[in-house]
Amino acid sequence: MLVHFKGCMSVIEQSRDETRVISGWFKTTHWSVVLNAGGGDPALAGGALATLCQTYWYPLYTYVRGLGHGPEDAEDLTQEFFARLLEKQWLAQADANRGRFRSFLLTALRHFLANEWRRTQTVKRGGGHRLLSLDDTAEALYAQEPASDLTPEKLYERRWALRLFERALDRLEQDYQAAGRQDVYQALKEFLSAEAKDGEYAQVGERLGMSQGAVAAAVHRLRQRYRDLVRDEIAQTITDAAGLEDEMRSLLAALG
């Protein structure tokens, strides 16, 4: 899977000069809604935070495991951290890292591990509200991680980047499914990570009943949509357009 995402990096980088941000759009992204909860709808902010947590819990789990905690403790720590985060008692600390949910989340987790977890040992584990039900999912995923000498911080950043690209790919496939074009997606998805060799477009076109030129145009649209979805996923975790390209570079570096 990592090879595929590395191949996609050139596709993403091609669009750096294509970013167009509608004025005010970032006010409605998930992280912006969460940070502005005081002046908006608390229920909406809570839903936005829950969505972000559901999406990005696994990078935090890999960080905790990377610190040397066993599977059961890592699951408890991750679940308890999100339970406390959803109480919103830590969101006021987000100011120093307002731009990126990724940075805020890791900073908050470090604070929790250093101070808050000691207090939770005096109460029954799992006694509070739980956003996540990890069951065996977390450790099953962690067991598939390739062996590496990455620090917990680097592993967190790598997993965050992979999760974001996975989300974009999932949404891309869903788009084609909804349009009744799953066969087109399956035939063209390999061209997200590699340029076509001589004759490949013609071969694909023969299977799909399309001309070579139509296949080339379809690949262009596929890549463009993928770029847009990646940017949308990133945008949901930052608060302004200025940070979009910086976050993209950081995520690509984490994979590199």
Protein backbone atom coordinates (compact mmCIF):
# COMPACT_ATOMS: atom_id res chain seq x y z
CA MET A 1 0.00 0.00 0.00
CA LEU A 2 2.83 2.42 0.80
CA VAL A 3 4.30 1.93 -2.67
CA HIS A 4 0.96 3.02 -4.12
CA PHE A 5 0.88 6.20 -2.06
CA LYS A 6 4.47 7.06 -2.94
CA GLY A 7 3.48 6.71 -6.57
CA CYS A 8 0.58 9.09 -5.98
CA MET A 9 2.89 11.77 -4.61
CA SER A 10 3.77 13.08 -8.07
CA VAL A 11 0.08 13.31 -8.93
CA ILE A 12 -0.58 15.36 -5.80
CA GLU A 13 2.45 17.60 -6.27
CA GLN A 14 1.35 18.51 -9.79
CA SER A 15 -1.62 20.40 -8.36
CA ARG A 16 0.18 22.80 -6.06
CA ASP A 17 -0.48 25.73 -8.36
CA GLU A 18 -4.11 24.72 -8.88
CA THR A 19 -5.42 25.41 -5.39
CA ARG A 20 -8.49 27.62 -5.42
CA VAL A 21 -10.11 28.51 -2.10
CA ILE A 22 -13.58 29.97 -1.91
CA SER A 23 -13.70 32.91 0.50
CA GLY A 24 -14.92 31.83 3.91
CA TRP A 25 -14.95 28.10 3.08
CA PHE A 26 -12.46 27.23 5.82
CA LYS A 27 -14.92 28.49 8.43
CA THR A 28 -16.98 25.36 7.83
CA THR A 29 -14.23 22.73 7.89
CA HIS A 30 -14.32 20.27 10.79
CA TRP A 31 -11.42 21.71 12.78
CA SER A 32 -12.54 25.31 12.29
CA VAL A 33 -16.03 24.41 13.53
CA VAL A 34 -14.55 22.73 16.61
CA LEU A 35 -12.33 25.68 17.48
CA ASN A 36 -15.20 28.13 17.04
CA ALA A 37 -17.58 26.10 19.20
CA GLY A 38 -17.89 28.92 21.69
CA GLY A 39 -19.59 31.13 19.14
CA GLY A 40 -21.52 28.47 17.27
CA ASP A 41 -23.59 25.35 17.69
CA PRO A 42 -22.06 23.07 20.38
CA ALA A 43 -23.79 20.02 18.90
CA LEU A 44 -22.34 20.79 15.48
CA ALA A 45 -18.88 21.24 16.98
CA GLY A 46 -19.20 18.00 18.92
CA GLY A 47 -20.15 16.15 15.76
CA ALA A 48 -17.21 17.64 13.86
CA LEU A 49 -14.80 16.64 16.62
CA ALA A 50 -16.25 13.13 16.75
CA THR A 51 -15.76 12.80 13.00
CA LEU A 52 -12.12 13.85 13.25
CA CYS A 53 -11.48 11.48 16.15
CA GLN A 54 -13.11 8.55 14.39
CA THR A 55 -10.96 9.23 11.35
CA TYR A 56 -7.60 9.71 13.00
CA TRP A 57 -7.59 7.51 16.10
CA TYR A 58 -5.24 4.93 14.63
CA PRO A 59 -2.18 7.21 14.20
CA LEU A 60 -2.48 7.99 17.93
CA TYR A 61 -2.72 4.30 18.76
CA THR A 62 0.49 3.64 16.82
CA TYR A 63 2.17 6.45 18.76
CA VAL A 64 1.16 4.94 22.11
CA ARG A 65 2.28 1.48 21.03
CA GLY A 66 5.53 2.96 19.76
CA LEU A 67 6.20 4.25 23.26
CA GLY A 68 6.24 0.66 24.48
CA HIS A 69 2.73 0.22 25.88
CA GLY A 70 1.14 -3.18 25.37
CA PRO A 71 -2.03 -3.69 23.31
CA GLU A 72 -4.53 -3.55 26.19
CA ASP A 73 -2.98 -0.49 27.80
CA ALA A 74 -2.66 1.23 24.43
CA GLU A 75 -6.35 0.65 23.70
CA ASP A 76 -7.36 1.92 27.13
CA LEU A 77 -5.13 4.97 26.82
CA THR A 78 -6.42 5.84 23.36
CA GLN A 79 -10.06 5.42 24.33
CA GLU A 80 -9.70 7.34 27.57
CA PHE A 81 -7.84 10.14 25.81
CA PHE A 82 -10.65 10.65 23.33
CA ALA A 83 -13.27 10.42 26.06
CA ARG A 84 -11.56 13.28 27.88
CA LEU A 85 -11.02 15.23 24.68
CA LEU A 86 -14.73 15.09 23.92
CA GLU A 87 -15.45 16.69 27.27
CA LYS A 88 -13.83 19.77 25.66
CA GLN A 89 -11.77 20.54 28.70
CA TRP A 90 -8.60 20.65 26.60
CA LEU A 91 -9.78 22.51 23.53
CA ALA A 92 -8.80 25.83 25.07
CA GLN A 93 -5.20 24.65 24.76
CA ALA A 94 -5.49 24.48 20.98
CA ASP A 95 -4.44 28.12 20.49
CA ALA A 96 -0.73 27.33 20.17
CA ASN A 97 -1.49 24.85 17.39
CA ARG A 98 -4.66 26.33 15.92
CA GLY A 99 -3.56 25.70 12.37
CA ARG A 100 -3.37 21.92 12.47
CA PHE A 101 -5.53 19.36 14.19
CA ARG A 102 -2.67 16.88 13.73
CA SER A 103 -0.30 18.96 15.86
CA PHE A 104 -2.90 19.74 18.50
CA LEU A 105 -3.91 16.12 18.87
CA LEU A 106 -0.36 14.87 19.45
CA THR A 107 0.38 17.67 21.91
CA ALA A 108 -2.82 16.91 23.83
CA LEU A 109 -2.02 13.19 23.90
CA ARG A 110 1.46 13.82 25.27
CA HIS A 111 -0.05 15.97 28.01
CA PHE A 112 -2.54 13.25 28.80
CA LEU A 113 0.09 10.53 28.95
CA ALA A 114 2.37 12.60 31.16
CA ASN A 115 -0.24 13.81 33.64
CA GLU A 116 -3.83 12.73 33.25
CA TRP A 117 -3.41 8.97 32.95
CA ARG A 118 -2.01 8.72 36.48
CA ARG A 119 -5.34 9.94 37.83
CA THR A 120 -7.36 7.48 35.76
CA GLN A 121 -5.67 4.58 37.50
CA THR A 122 -7.67 5.33 40.63
CA VAL A 123 -11.00 4.73 38.84
CA LYS A 124 -12.32 1.78 36.91
CA ARG A 125 -11.14 1.74 33.31
CA GLY A 126 -13.80 2.47 30.74
CA GLY A 127 -16.04 4.17 33.26
CA GLY A 128 -16.54 7.27 31.15
CA HIS A 129 -18.06 7.94 27.75
CA ARG A 130 -16.32 6.05 24.96
CA LEU A 131 -16.28 7.40 21.46
CA LEU A 132 -14.31 4.46 20.10
CA SER A 133 -14.87 0.74 20.30
CA LEU A 134 -11.51 -0.63 19.23
CA ASP A 135 -12.04 -4.31 20.12
CA ASP A 136 -9.36 -6.23 18.21
CA THR A 137 -9.20 -3.73 15.36
CA ALA A 138 -6.35 -1.61 16.65
CA GLU A 139 -3.87 -4.38 17.35
CA ALA A 140 -4.80 -6.25 14.18
CA LEU A 141 -3.86 -3.13 12.20
CA TYR A 142 -0.72 -2.56 14.24
CA ALA A 143 0.42 -6.15 13.61
CA GLN A 144 0.48 -5.32 9.89
CA GLU A 145 2.88 -2.40 10.36
CA PRO A 146 6.22 -3.06 8.65
CA ALA A 147 9.23 -3.27 10.94
CA SER A 148 11.03 0.05 11.17
CA ASP A 149 13.24 2.14 13.42
CA LEU A 150 10.95 5.17 13.22
CA THR A 151 10.42 7.15 16.40
CA PRO A 152 6.86 7.19 17.79
CA GLU A 153 6.51 10.74 16.47
CA LYS A 154 7.61 9.78 12.96
CA LEU A 155 5.36 6.72 13.00
CA TYR A 156 2.45 8.93 14.03
CA GLU A 157 3.11 11.36 11.17
CA ARG A 158 3.51 8.53 8.65
CA ARG A 159 0.30 6.85 9.75
CA TRP A 160 -1.56 10.16 9.70
CA ALA A 161 -0.48 10.75 6.11
CA LEU A 162 -1.42 7.24 5.03
CA ARG A 163 -4.81 7.52 6.71
CA LEU A 164 -5.53 10.77 4.91
CA PHE A 165 -4.66 9.33 1.50
CA GLU A 166 -6.69 6.20 2.30
CA ARG A 167 -9.69 8.40 3.06
CA ALA A 168 -9.29 10.24 -0.23
CA LEU A 169 -9.03 6.98 -2.17
CA ASP A 170 -12.08 5.55 -0.43
CA ARG A 171 -14.10 8.65 -1.31
CA LEU A 172 -12.82 8.50 -4.89
CA GLU A 173 -14.04 4.93 -5.30
CA GLN A 174 -17.37 5.81 -3.69
CA ASP A 175 -17.82 8.62 -6.22
CA TYR A 176 -17.41 6.21 -9.11
CA GLN A 177 -19.66 3.63 -7.47
CA ALA A 178 -22.40 6.21 -6.97
CA ALA A 179 -22.15 7.16 -10.64
CA GLY A 180 -22.37 3.52 -11.72
CA ARG A 181 -18.80 3.62 -13.06
CA GLN A 182 -17.08 1.14 -10.77
CA ASP A 183 -15.68 -0.71 -13.80
CA VAL A 184 -14.01 2.49 -15.00
CA TYR A 185 -12.47 3.13 -11.59
CA GLN A 186 -11.11 -0.41 -11.32
CA ALA A 187 -9.59 -0.19 -14.79
CA LEU A 188 -8.01 3.24 -14.29
CA LYS A 189 -6.94 3.33 -10.63
CA GLU A 190 -3.49 1.93 -11.40
CA PHE A 191 -2.76 5.13 -13.32
CA LEU A 192 -2.98 7.12 -10.09
CA SER A 193 0.43 5.75 -9.14
CA ALA A 194 2.08 5.18 -12.50
CA GLU A 195 2.19 6.68 -15.95
CA ALA A 196 0.77 4.56 -18.73
CA LYS A 197 3.17 2.52 -20.82
CA ASP A 198 2.92 2.43 -24.59
CA GLY A 199 -0.33 0.82 -25.64
CA GLU A 200 -1.86 0.59 -22.16
CA TYR A 201 -4.54 3.20 -22.76
CA ALA A 202 -5.53 1.38 -25.94
CA GLN A 203 -5.77 -1.94 -24.05
CA VAL A 204 -7.90 -0.41 -21.33
CA GLY A 205 -10.06 1.32 -23.91
CA GLU A 206 -10.72 -1.97 -25.65
CA ARG A 207 -11.99 -3.49 -22.39
CA LEU A 208 -14.15 -0.48 -21.58
CA GLY A 209 -15.37 0.27 -25.08
CA MET A 210 -13.60 3.64 -25.11
CA SER A 211 -11.15 5.28 -27.49
CA GLN A 212 -7.57 5.82 -26.41
CA GLY A 213 -8.20 9.56 -26.21
CA ALA A 214 -11.27 9.01 -24.03
CA VAL A 215 -9.22 6.84 -21.65
CA ALA A 216 -6.55 9.54 -21.39
CA ALA A 217 -9.24 12.13 -20.59
CA ALA A 218 -10.80 9.80 -18.01
CA VAL A 219 -7.42 9.30 -16.30
CA HIS A 220 -6.96 13.07 -16.17
CA ARG A 221 -10.37 13.48 -14.51
CA LEU A 222 -9.59 10.66 -12.06
CA ARG A 223 -6.35 12.30 -11.00
CA GLN A 224 -7.95 15.71 -10.72
CA ARG A 225 -10.72 14.36 -8.52
CA TYR A 226 -8.19 12.54 -6.36
CA ARG A 227 -6.19 15.74 -5.91
CA ASP A 228 -9.34 17.60 -4.92
CA LEU A 229 -10.29 14.94 -2.38
CA VAL A 230 -6.83 14.90 -0.81
CA ARG A 231 -6.98 18.65 -0.42
CA ASP A 232 -10.45 18.43 1.05
CA GLU A 233 -9.27 15.86 3.60
CA ILE A 234 -6.36 18.08 4.59
CA ALA A 235 -8.60 21.14 4.75
CA GLN A 236 -10.81 19.43 7.34
CA THR A 237 -7.85 19.42 9.76
CA ILE A 238 -6.61 23.01 9.34
CA THR A 239 -8.17 26.44 9.68
CA ASP A 240 -6.94 28.50 6.74
CA ALA A 241 -5.75 28.24 3.16
CA ALA A 242 -2.25 29.43 4.02
CA GLY A 243 -1.52 26.20 5.84
CA LEU A 244 -2.76 23.88 3.09
CA GLU A 245 0.43 23.62 1.06
CA ASP A 246 2.62 23.45 4.18
CA GLU A 247 0.58 20.56 5.51
CA MET A 248 0.76 18.83 2.14
CA ARG A 249 4.55 19.11 2.14
CA SER A 250 4.71 17.78 5.70
CA LEU A 251 2.56 14.77 4.85
CA LEU A 252 4.53 13.94 1.73
CA ALA A 253 7.75 14.21 3.73
CA ALA A 254 6.34 11.81 6.30
CA LEU A 255 5.87 9.24 3.53
CA GLY A 256 9.22 9.96 1.91
